[in-house]
Amino acid sequence: LVVPGHFVNVTDEMEMKEEMLRCHKSQKNWLDVSQGLDSYLHTMRDICAELGRMSQQGWDYAEGFRRHSHLGFSRADADPVKDVLGDLVAINEDYEKSLSPPVSA
């Protein structure tokens, strides 16, 4: 799993996530045959559960995101995900610190 910079609590949305994933009929049919009945749904839940644990927020399920370059879009310190989703977002401070070059004396 890739370590994310942001975690988003999706615990209350897991049923909807699963319903939406089931709507991809062509992928569902192929995945059911190639990997086992509904294995992709179990994998989605397992990954979201692991990200929930990684968030260290006590969330059952989370999604993880990494910020990309702000150039051409916003200020370097802008955080539109946190601004919009508020308390549903947890920032991985260790990851964020790793993005900044050390300040020289």
Protein backbone atom coordinates (compact mmCIF):
# COMPACT_ATOMS: atom_id res chain seq x y z
CA LEU A 1 0.00 0.00 0.00
CA VAL A 2 1.22 3.51 -0.80
CA VAL A 3 1.43 5.71 2.29
CA PRO A 4 -0.98 8.64 1.81
CA GLY A 5 -0.60 12.25 2.86
CA HIS A 6 -4.32 12.62 3.58
CA PHE A 7 -6.83 10.15 4.95
CA VAL A 8 -10.56 10.64 4.38
CA ASN A 9 -13.05 8.88 6.64
CA VAL A 10 -15.43 6.90 4.40
CA THR A 11 -16.95 4.70 7.13
CA ASP A 12 -20.46 6.07 6.58
CA GLU A 13 -20.12 5.71 2.80
CA MET A 14 -18.98 2.09 2.52
CA GLU A 15 -22.37 0.71 1.46
CA MET A 16 -22.61 3.34 -1.27
CA LYS A 17 -19.00 2.67 -2.37
CA GLU A 18 -19.85 -1.01 -2.73
CA GLU A 19 -23.08 -0.30 -4.62
CA MET A 20 -21.23 2.00 -7.01
CA LEU A 21 -18.45 -0.53 -7.56
CA ARG A 22 -21.04 -3.21 -8.34
CA CYS A 23 -22.35 -0.95 -11.16
CA HIS A 24 -19.23 -1.63 -13.24
CA LYS A 25 -20.84 -4.69 -14.83
CA SER A 26 -18.11 -5.49 -17.36
CA GLN A 27 -15.41 -5.44 -14.70
CA LYS A 28 -17.59 -7.33 -12.21
CA ASN A 29 -18.24 -10.19 -14.63
CA TRP A 30 -14.59 -10.50 -15.63
CA LEU A 31 -13.32 -10.21 -12.04
CA ASP A 32 -15.86 -12.74 -10.74
CA VAL A 33 -14.64 -15.27 -13.32
CA SER A 34 -10.92 -14.52 -13.00
CA GLN A 35 -10.59 -13.85 -9.26
CA GLY A 36 -13.64 -15.28 -7.56
CA LEU A 37 -17.12 -14.08 -6.79
CA ASP A 38 -17.06 -10.49 -5.45
CA SER A 39 -13.35 -10.65 -4.58
CA TYR A 40 -12.92 -7.07 -5.82
CA LEU A 41 -15.50 -5.89 -3.28
CA HIS A 42 -13.70 -7.70 -0.46
CA THR A 43 -10.40 -6.19 -1.62
CA MET A 44 -11.91 -2.68 -1.61
CA ARG A 45 -13.17 -3.19 1.95
CA ASP A 46 -9.84 -4.65 3.09
CA ILE A 47 -7.86 -1.74 1.64
CA CYS A 48 -10.23 0.85 3.13
CA ALA A 49 -10.03 -0.93 6.51
CA GLU A 50 -6.22 -0.88 6.39
CA LEU A 51 -6.24 2.82 5.53
CA GLY A 52 -8.66 3.40 8.42
CA ARG A 53 -6.11 1.77 10.75
CA MET A 54 -3.21 3.70 9.20
CA SER A 55 -5.04 6.99 9.83
CA GLN A 56 -4.79 6.39 13.60
CA GLN A 57 -8.13 8.20 13.97
CA GLY A 58 -10.25 5.25 15.11
CA TRP A 59 -12.05 5.14 11.77
CA ASP A 60 -13.28 1.80 10.45
CA TYR A 61 -12.65 2.76 6.83
CA ALA A 62 -10.71 5.47 5.01
CA GLU A 63 -9.41 6.40 1.59
CA GLY A 64 -5.91 7.74 1.12
CA PHE A 65 -4.67 10.52 -1.11
CA ARG A 66 -1.40 12.19 -2.01
CA ARG A 67 -1.20 15.82 -2.97
CA HIS A 68 0.29 16.66 -6.33
CA SER A 69 1.97 19.83 -7.48
CA HIS A 70 0.02 22.98 -6.68
CA LEU A 71 1.64 24.85 -9.58
CA GLY A 72 -1.01 26.39 -11.79
CA PHE A 73 -3.80 25.45 -9.39
CA SER A 74 -3.35 27.09 -6.00
CA ARG A 75 -1.00 28.28 -3.26
CA ALA A 76 1.61 25.84 -2.01
CA ASP A 77 -0.10 25.67 1.40
CA ALA A 78 -3.65 25.31 0.05
CA ASP A 79 -5.55 22.21 1.15
CA PRO A 80 -8.88 22.10 -0.70
CA VAL A 81 -9.68 18.55 0.45
CA LYS A 82 -9.42 19.55 4.13
CA ASP A 83 -11.24 22.83 3.42
CA VAL A 84 -14.23 21.00 1.91
CA LEU A 85 -14.36 17.83 4.04
CA GLY A 86 -13.22 19.27 7.39
CA ASP A 87 -13.21 16.71 10.21
CA LEU A 88 -13.49 13.81 7.77
CA VAL A 89 -9.84 14.45 6.81
CA ALA A 90 -6.71 13.55 8.76
CA ILE A 91 -3.31 14.75 7.60
CA ASN A 92 -0.34 12.42 7.77
CA GLU A 93 2.15 14.89 9.27
CA ASP A 94 5.15 12.61 8.72
CA TYR A 95 4.33 12.37 5.04
CA GLU A 96 3.80 16.13 4.75
CA LYS A 97 7.15 16.83 6.42
CA SER A 98 8.87 14.49 3.99
CA LEU A 99 7.72 16.72 1.11
CA SER A 100 9.48 19.82 2.38
CA PRO A 101 13.18 20.20 1.73
CA PRO A 102 15.15 20.85 4.92
CA VAL A 103 15.67 24.51 5.71
CA SER A 104 19.35 25.40 5.54
CA ALA A 105 20.87 27.65 8.20
